[in-house]
Structure formats: C-alpha cells, structure tokens
Amino acid sequence: MKERFDIIASSLSSYFGVGFNTVDEQLDIDLGLTEKVFDDEAQERLDLGNCMEDGCLNFFEKKLGIIIDERNNEYKYAVNGLLKCKRDGRTFIDGVETGVENKYSNSSSECFTESFGYELQCQAYMMAWGLDQWLLCGMHNGKPKMKLIKANKELQNDISELVIAISGILMGIVPRENYPWDIVDKYSKQRNLKNLETDEVDDYDKNLFHRIGELKTEMSSIKKELDELENYAKSNYADSKYADGDFRYVISTGTRKGDIDKDRLSIEHPEIDIESYRKPSTTYSTIRVTPIRK
C-alpha cells in the first residue's frame, strides 16, 4: 500500500537532499515501504506550532501594518496537480499580492529564515498560487523573524523536474534508479546511496546490522523511560544526594555559558561579516534505522 500518490511541499527538502530524511528514506515513506517515525515530542512541536500560528500572524499584521487573511483555508496544486500545497495566509505588501508561510520554532539550529528547505516550500507555493513573492515569518527561540522571498524561476524549474520524476516513481512508471540526482547535486552534498544486495554482505555483518536495529529500537524506548524518571527526580529532589545498596545519586544544579547572540551582534554591528568567522563545515557519518512495514 503506497503512503502517498502526490507530493507535499514540506517533503521537498528531503527530496532535494537538505531535509531530515534522506532521499531514499523519503521515497520509502511515500512508497509505504517503511513506517513514518513521528514520536510524542514531534507531535508536541507540531501541536505547539499550530496553536501559536494565529498569534504569530496577528503580531506580523501589526508589525508590518498589513492584513493577513485567507488563513489555512485552501489547498492548491503545482506541477500539473502533482505537488500539494497549503498556505498559511495571504497579504499585500506595497500593493503586491504576497503569500505567507508562518513558523514557530524553538530549535537551537539555524533560524528557519536561513533554511533552504523553507525556501523550497515558499517557491512551491508561489508556483501553485501564481505569485512572485512569499513572506516567511514567525518566531525563532522567542524572537520574531521574517524574510521576503522572491520567485526563483531556475529553482522552480528544478522543483518541477524533480516532482515529475518522483511522481513517476510513486506511480511505478519510472524506475527508482532514474531519480534525478543531478538536481540534488546542485543543492546538496548528499550522495546516491549504494544499495547493498544480500550476497554483498556476509553472515557476520548481517547479524551485526540486525543487532544495530534491535539496539536502536531498545535505546529509543529506554531513553523515553529514563527521561521521564530523571525529570521526576530532578523536579522533586533538587540539589540532593542519595545512596542505596548499589548506586550513589547526585542531583545538582549547574550553569552553562550562553552562546553569542549573533542576531543582536549583526544588528548592533552590521559592519561585521559574521559568516567570515564561521568554522569550516565538518563531515560526519550516521546510521538511522527505521522499521520495515510488514
């Protein structure tokens, strides 16, 4: 059973190689081959964002002196009905009709206004509504952030080409091997993964991989239980110590030096090129395990 027969704009980041899932993971999810991992913490973030959305939009109405209407009331499709889009609102900026995408984020990573994934979403929305600009706005770590994104025809053409190819794969008329990795290479360092056949992995390593899957599944359950128990202990026995017959427990309060407020620094000292002080990117390897749908 396929998971999807259309493509949603929010999955474009993964399909372009810049999202949470890899290209192959997103294809497996949309093809119904693996289960979509969506834990309680992710659901809570989604619920919080939905609840805060109207308040954020109201704030930017007042801040910019605009009216944001048609909030979350319409779906439209781009790329000949293959790409499903839902906008958060509509407004007019300097007389130009403008779509609105709202985000509420407490992430410690980069602000959503700097995320190429949200750029992709807004470009897709412009394609669906036939507009030339989109306002990306919201809250990041309690601070208002916004960016006016203009239509990028080259990027929109790449979105169309990618969506057509993905749609063909989901419908079973295009081989998965024909995925347009040349487009991914333009925007991402993600590489096409080699598919290991059974005869390429010896029996010892097969057991090793399976044990990794079992342990990661167990760790997820253990971490959830441990977090619940530790949170209870911290909230009821702050700055305390205790020992039983097997272990000694110390619950203490510490401080961590705060990070530099780059947003404030850029406002107070616009002459400083903060990006020139960024450390070089690092390469790392990860193993993610997802259960196969049976």
Protein backbone atom coordinates (compact mmCIF):
# COMPACT_ATOMS: atom_id res chain seq x y z
CA MET A 1 0.00 0.00 0.00
CA LYS A 2 1.54 3.28 -1.10
CA GLU A 3 1.72 6.03 1.50
CA ARG A 4 1.13 8.84 -0.99
CA PHE A 5 0.16 9.39 -4.61
CA ASP A 6 1.02 13.10 -4.57
CA ILE A 7 3.97 15.05 -3.20
CA ILE A 8 3.57 17.59 -0.40
CA ALA A 9 5.60 20.79 -0.42
CA SER A 10 7.06 20.15 3.05
CA SER A 11 8.77 16.97 1.79
CA LEU A 12 10.69 18.84 -0.93
CA SER A 13 13.59 19.50 1.45
CA SER A 14 14.17 15.77 1.88
CA TYR A 15 13.80 15.12 -1.84
CA PHE A 16 16.38 17.86 -2.54
CA GLY A 17 18.79 16.30 -0.04
CA VAL A 18 18.56 19.06 2.58
CA GLY A 19 15.85 17.71 4.89
CA PHE A 20 15.67 15.48 7.95
CA ASN A 21 15.17 12.34 5.85
CA THR A 22 17.49 11.23 3.08
CA VAL A 23 16.13 10.96 -0.45
CA ASP A 24 15.85 7.17 -0.09
CA GLU A 25 14.16 7.41 3.31
CA GLN A 26 11.56 9.86 1.97
CA LEU A 27 10.89 7.63 -1.04
CA ASP A 28 10.47 4.60 1.25
CA ILE A 29 7.99 6.54 3.40
CA ASP A 30 5.93 7.80 0.46
CA LEU A 31 6.01 4.37 -1.18
CA GLY A 32 4.72 2.83 2.06
CA LEU A 33 7.81 0.64 2.48
CA THR A 34 8.75 1.98 5.92
CA GLU A 35 6.77 3.50 8.75
CA LYS A 36 6.95 7.24 9.27
CA VAL A 37 8.63 7.86 12.61
CA PHE A 38 6.64 10.52 14.47
CA ASP A 39 7.14 10.42 18.23
CA ASP A 40 5.36 12.27 21.02
CA GLU A 41 7.95 15.05 21.04
CA ALA A 42 7.49 15.70 17.32
CA GLN A 43 3.71 15.72 17.74
CA GLU A 44 4.04 18.21 20.60
CA ARG A 45 6.14 20.54 18.42
CA LEU A 46 3.53 20.30 15.67
CA ASP A 47 0.67 21.00 18.09
CA LEU A 48 2.51 23.97 19.61
CA GLY A 49 3.21 25.44 16.18
CA ASN A 50 -0.44 25.09 15.16
CA CYS A 51 -1.65 26.74 18.37
CA MET A 52 0.80 29.65 18.10
CA GLU A 53 0.25 30.31 14.40
CA ASP A 54 -2.64 32.77 14.62
CA GLY A 55 -0.87 34.75 17.33
CA CYS A 56 2.29 34.99 15.21
CA LEU A 57 0.33 36.14 12.17
CA ASN A 58 -1.51 38.71 14.29
CA PHE A 59 1.85 40.02 15.51
CA PHE A 60 3.20 40.48 11.97
CA GLU A 61 -0.04 42.13 10.88
CA LYS A 62 0.57 44.80 13.50
CA LYS A 63 4.34 45.00 12.96
CA LEU A 64 4.09 45.44 9.19
CA GLY A 65 0.78 47.30 9.08
CA ILE A 66 -0.83 44.68 6.83
CA ILE A 67 -3.81 42.33 6.85
CA ILE A 68 -3.16 38.58 6.62
CA ASP A 69 -6.33 36.82 5.51
CA GLU A 70 -7.30 33.51 3.89
CA ARG A 71 -5.52 31.69 6.68
CA ASN A 72 -5.14 27.93 6.23
CA ASN A 73 -8.34 27.65 4.22
CA GLU A 74 -7.19 26.46 0.82
CA TYR A 75 -5.15 23.77 -0.89
CA LYS A 76 -3.73 24.26 -4.36
CA TYR A 77 -1.58 22.12 -6.60
CA ALA A 78 1.51 22.94 -8.63
CA VAL A 79 3.27 20.98 -11.38
CA ASN A 80 0.08 19.85 -13.13
CA GLY A 81 -1.60 18.70 -9.94
CA LEU A 82 1.32 16.63 -8.65
CA LEU A 83 2.58 18.93 -5.85
CA LYS A 84 0.16 19.60 -2.98
CA CYS A 85 0.44 22.98 -1.25
CA LYS A 86 -1.34 24.68 1.65
CA ARG A 87 -0.54 28.27 2.51
CA ASP A 88 -0.79 29.87 5.93
CA GLY A 89 -2.21 33.15 4.67
CA ARG A 90 -2.29 35.95 2.11
CA THR A 91 -1.47 39.63 2.29
CA PHE A 92 -0.42 42.61 0.17
CA ILE A 93 2.99 44.25 0.57
CA ASP A 94 3.43 47.56 -1.28
CA GLY A 95 0.38 46.64 -3.34
CA VAL A 96 1.80 43.26 -4.42
CA GLU A 97 -0.18 40.13 -3.53
CA THR A 98 2.02 38.02 -1.28
CA GLY A 99 1.61 34.58 0.22
CA VAL A 100 2.50 33.96 3.86
CA GLU A 101 4.25 30.99 5.48
CA ASN A 102 4.46 31.01 9.27
CA LYS A 103 6.84 29.06 11.51
CA TYR A 104 7.13 28.76 15.28
CA SER A 105 10.46 27.22 16.27
CA ASN A 106 12.41 26.64 19.46
CA SER A 107 15.19 24.85 17.62
CA SER A 108 18.81 25.53 18.57
CA SER A 109 19.84 25.11 14.94
CA GLU A 110 19.75 27.76 12.23
CA CYS A 111 16.77 30.08 12.00
CA PHE A 112 14.06 28.99 9.58
CA THR A 113 14.61 32.15 7.52
CA GLU A 114 18.06 30.74 6.61
CA SER A 115 16.76 27.27 5.80
CA PHE A 116 16.83 26.20 2.16
CA GLY A 117 14.05 23.74 2.95
CA TYR A 118 11.61 26.56 3.70
CA GLU A 119 12.84 28.41 0.62
CA LEU A 120 11.76 25.36 -1.39
CA GLN A 121 8.34 25.35 0.26
CA CYS A 122 7.76 29.02 -0.49
CA GLN A 123 8.87 28.61 -4.11
CA ALA A 124 6.40 25.73 -4.46
CA TYR A 125 3.60 27.86 -3.03
CA MET A 126 4.41 30.65 -5.48
CA MET A 127 4.10 28.11 -8.29
CA ALA A 128 0.71 26.93 -7.01
CA TRP A 129 -0.78 30.40 -6.50
CA GLY A 130 0.98 32.12 -9.40
CA LEU A 131 2.61 34.77 -7.19
CA ASP A 132 6.00 36.44 -7.39
CA GLN A 133 6.82 36.70 -3.69
CA TRP A 134 6.19 34.99 -0.37
CA LEU A 135 6.59 36.21 3.20
CA LEU A 136 8.29 33.70 5.52
CA CYS A 137 7.75 34.85 9.08
CA GLY A 138 7.35 33.60 12.62
CA MET A 139 9.13 33.10 15.91
CA HIS A 140 12.55 31.53 16.44
CA ASN A 141 13.52 30.99 20.08
CA GLY A 142 11.01 33.62 21.14
CA LYS A 143 12.19 36.28 18.67
CA PRO A 144 10.28 37.47 15.59
CA LYS A 145 11.96 36.64 12.28
CA MET A 146 10.89 37.30 8.71
CA LYS A 147 12.16 37.16 5.15
CA LEU A 148 10.56 38.21 1.87
CA ILE A 149 11.35 35.53 -0.73
CA LYS A 150 11.19 36.38 -4.42
CA ALA A 151 10.34 33.89 -7.16
CA ASN A 152 13.37 31.98 -8.45
CA LYS A 153 12.49 30.57 -11.87
CA GLU A 154 15.56 28.33 -12.11
CA LEU A 155 14.77 26.75 -8.75
CA GLN A 156 11.10 26.42 -9.67
CA ASN A 157 12.07 24.61 -12.88
CA ASP A 158 14.20 22.21 -10.84
CA ILE A 159 11.27 21.65 -8.47
CA SER A 160 9.04 20.80 -11.42
CA GLU A 161 11.55 18.36 -12.90
CA LEU A 162 12.11 16.66 -9.57
CA VAL A 163 8.40 16.41 -8.75
CA ILE A 164 7.59 14.88 -12.15
CA ALA A 165 10.30 12.25 -11.64
CA ILE A 166 9.20 11.46 -8.06
CA SER A 167 5.58 11.19 -9.15
CA GLY A 168 6.58 8.68 -11.82
CA ILE A 169 8.43 6.62 -9.20
CA LEU A 170 5.46 6.68 -6.81
CA MET A 171 3.13 5.57 -9.62
CA GLY A 172 5.51 2.81 -10.64
CA ILE A 173 6.13 4.06 -14.19
CA VAL A 174 9.66 5.42 -13.60
CA PRO A 175 12.46 3.18 -12.20
CA ARG A 176 13.78 4.33 -8.86
CA GLU A 177 17.26 4.23 -10.35
CA ASN A 178 16.25 7.14 -12.64
CA TYR A 179 15.97 9.60 -9.73
CA PRO A 180 17.36 12.98 -10.93
CA TRP A 181 20.43 13.08 -8.70
CA ASP A 182 21.93 15.80 -10.90
CA ILE A 183 19.41 18.21 -9.36
CA VAL A 184 20.23 17.06 -5.83
CA ASP A 185 23.94 17.59 -6.58
CA LYS A 186 23.24 21.29 -7.34
CA TYR A 187 21.91 21.99 -3.88
CA SER A 188 23.21 19.31 -1.52
CA LYS A 189 26.23 17.22 -0.58
CA GLN A 190 24.03 14.16 -0.12
CA ARG A 191 25.02 11.29 -2.39
CA ASN A 192 23.11 8.48 -4.02
CA LEU A 193 23.39 5.56 -1.60
CA LYS A 194 24.66 2.23 -2.79
CA ASN A 195 22.03 -0.49 -2.33
CA LEU A 196 23.77 -3.49 -0.78
CA GLU A 197 22.44 -6.78 -2.10
CA THR A 198 22.17 -9.78 0.21
CA ASP A 199 25.13 -11.56 -1.35
CA GLU A 200 27.33 -8.49 -0.79
CA VAL A 201 27.03 -8.72 3.00
CA ASP A 202 28.48 -11.71 4.84
CA ASP A 203 26.56 -13.52 7.56
CA TYR A 204 28.50 -11.91 10.41
CA ASP A 205 27.74 -8.40 9.15
CA LYS A 206 24.08 -9.28 8.53
CA ASN A 207 23.78 -10.21 12.19
CA LEU A 208 25.67 -7.05 13.11
CA PHE A 209 23.25 -4.83 11.16
CA HIS A 210 20.25 -6.59 12.69
CA ARG A 211 21.69 -6.14 16.18
CA ILE A 212 22.15 -2.41 15.47
CA GLY A 213 18.44 -2.23 14.58
CA GLU A 214 17.43 -4.06 17.75
CA LEU A 215 19.65 -1.90 19.96
CA LYS A 216 18.45 1.39 18.44
CA THR A 217 14.85 0.32 18.98
CA GLU A 218 15.62 -0.62 22.58
CA MET A 219 17.52 2.64 23.14
CA SER A 220 14.57 4.69 21.97
CA SER A 221 12.29 3.01 24.49
CA ILE A 222 14.90 3.18 27.27
CA LYS A 223 15.63 6.88 26.63
CA LYS A 224 11.94 7.75 26.83
CA GLU A 225 11.57 5.94 30.17
CA LEU A 226 14.85 7.36 31.53
CA ASP A 227 13.87 10.94 30.61
CA GLU A 228 10.55 10.55 32.44
CA LEU A 229 12.22 9.15 35.58
CA GLU A 230 15.02 11.74 35.59
CA ASN A 231 12.61 14.63 35.12
CA TYR A 232 10.58 13.41 38.07
CA ALA A 233 13.68 13.05 40.27
CA LYS A 234 15.03 16.48 39.29
CA SER A 235 11.73 18.21 39.99
CA ASN A 236 11.23 16.54 43.40
CA TYR A 237 14.79 16.29 44.77
CA ALA A 238 16.72 19.32 43.53
CA ASP A 239 20.31 19.72 44.85
CA SER A 240 20.27 16.46 46.76
CA LYS A 241 22.26 13.25 47.06
CA TYR A 242 21.19 9.74 47.92
CA ALA A 243 22.68 6.24 48.03
CA ASP A 244 21.16 2.80 48.05
CA GLY A 245 22.86 -0.57 48.16
CA ASP A 246 24.06 -0.37 44.56
CA PHE A 247 24.35 3.22 43.35
CA ARG A 248 25.08 6.75 44.52
CA TYR A 249 22.89 9.53 43.06
CA VAL A 250 23.75 13.23 42.92
CA ILE A 251 21.17 15.77 41.71
CA SER A 252 22.80 19.17 41.30
CA THR A 253 22.20 22.47 39.56
CA GLY A 254 24.81 23.88 37.20
CA THR A 255 25.17 26.69 34.70
CA ARG A 256 26.35 26.69 31.13
CA LYS A 257 27.84 29.73 29.44
CA GLY A 258 25.41 31.13 26.92
CA ASP A 259 26.17 31.27 23.22
CA ILE A 260 26.87 34.57 21.46
CA ASP A 261 23.67 36.30 20.30
CA LYS A 262 24.51 36.53 16.61
CA ASP A 263 21.23 38.29 15.80
CA ARG A 264 21.95 41.10 18.27
CA LEU A 265 25.57 41.32 17.12
CA SER A 266 24.53 41.69 13.47
CA ILE A 267 22.05 44.45 14.41
CA GLU A 268 24.43 46.44 16.64
CA HIS A 269 27.47 45.89 14.36
CA PRO A 270 26.24 45.50 10.78
CA GLU A 271 29.76 46.23 9.51
CA ILE A 272 30.97 42.83 10.78
CA ASP A 273 30.70 39.93 8.35
CA ILE A 274 29.70 37.21 10.82
CA GLU A 275 29.77 34.48 8.17
CA SER A 276 33.50 35.05 7.62
CA TYR A 277 34.09 33.80 11.18
CA ARG A 278 32.14 30.57 10.72
CA LYS A 279 34.22 27.41 11.17
CA PRO A 280 34.55 25.08 8.16
CA SER A 281 31.80 22.53 7.69
CA THR A 282 32.52 19.08 9.08
CA THR A 283 31.62 15.72 7.58
CA TYR A 284 30.09 13.02 9.74
CA SER A 285 28.53 9.60 9.28
CA THR A 286 25.23 8.44 10.78
CA ILE A 287 23.21 5.25 10.91
CA ARG A 288 19.43 5.66 11.07
CA VAL A 289 17.20 2.63 11.49
CA THR A 290 13.51 2.57 10.57
CA PRO A 291 11.18 -0.44 10.90
CA ILE A 292 10.09 -2.08 7.64
CA ARG A 293 6.32 -2.13 7.18
CA LYS A 294 5.04 -5.72 7.14
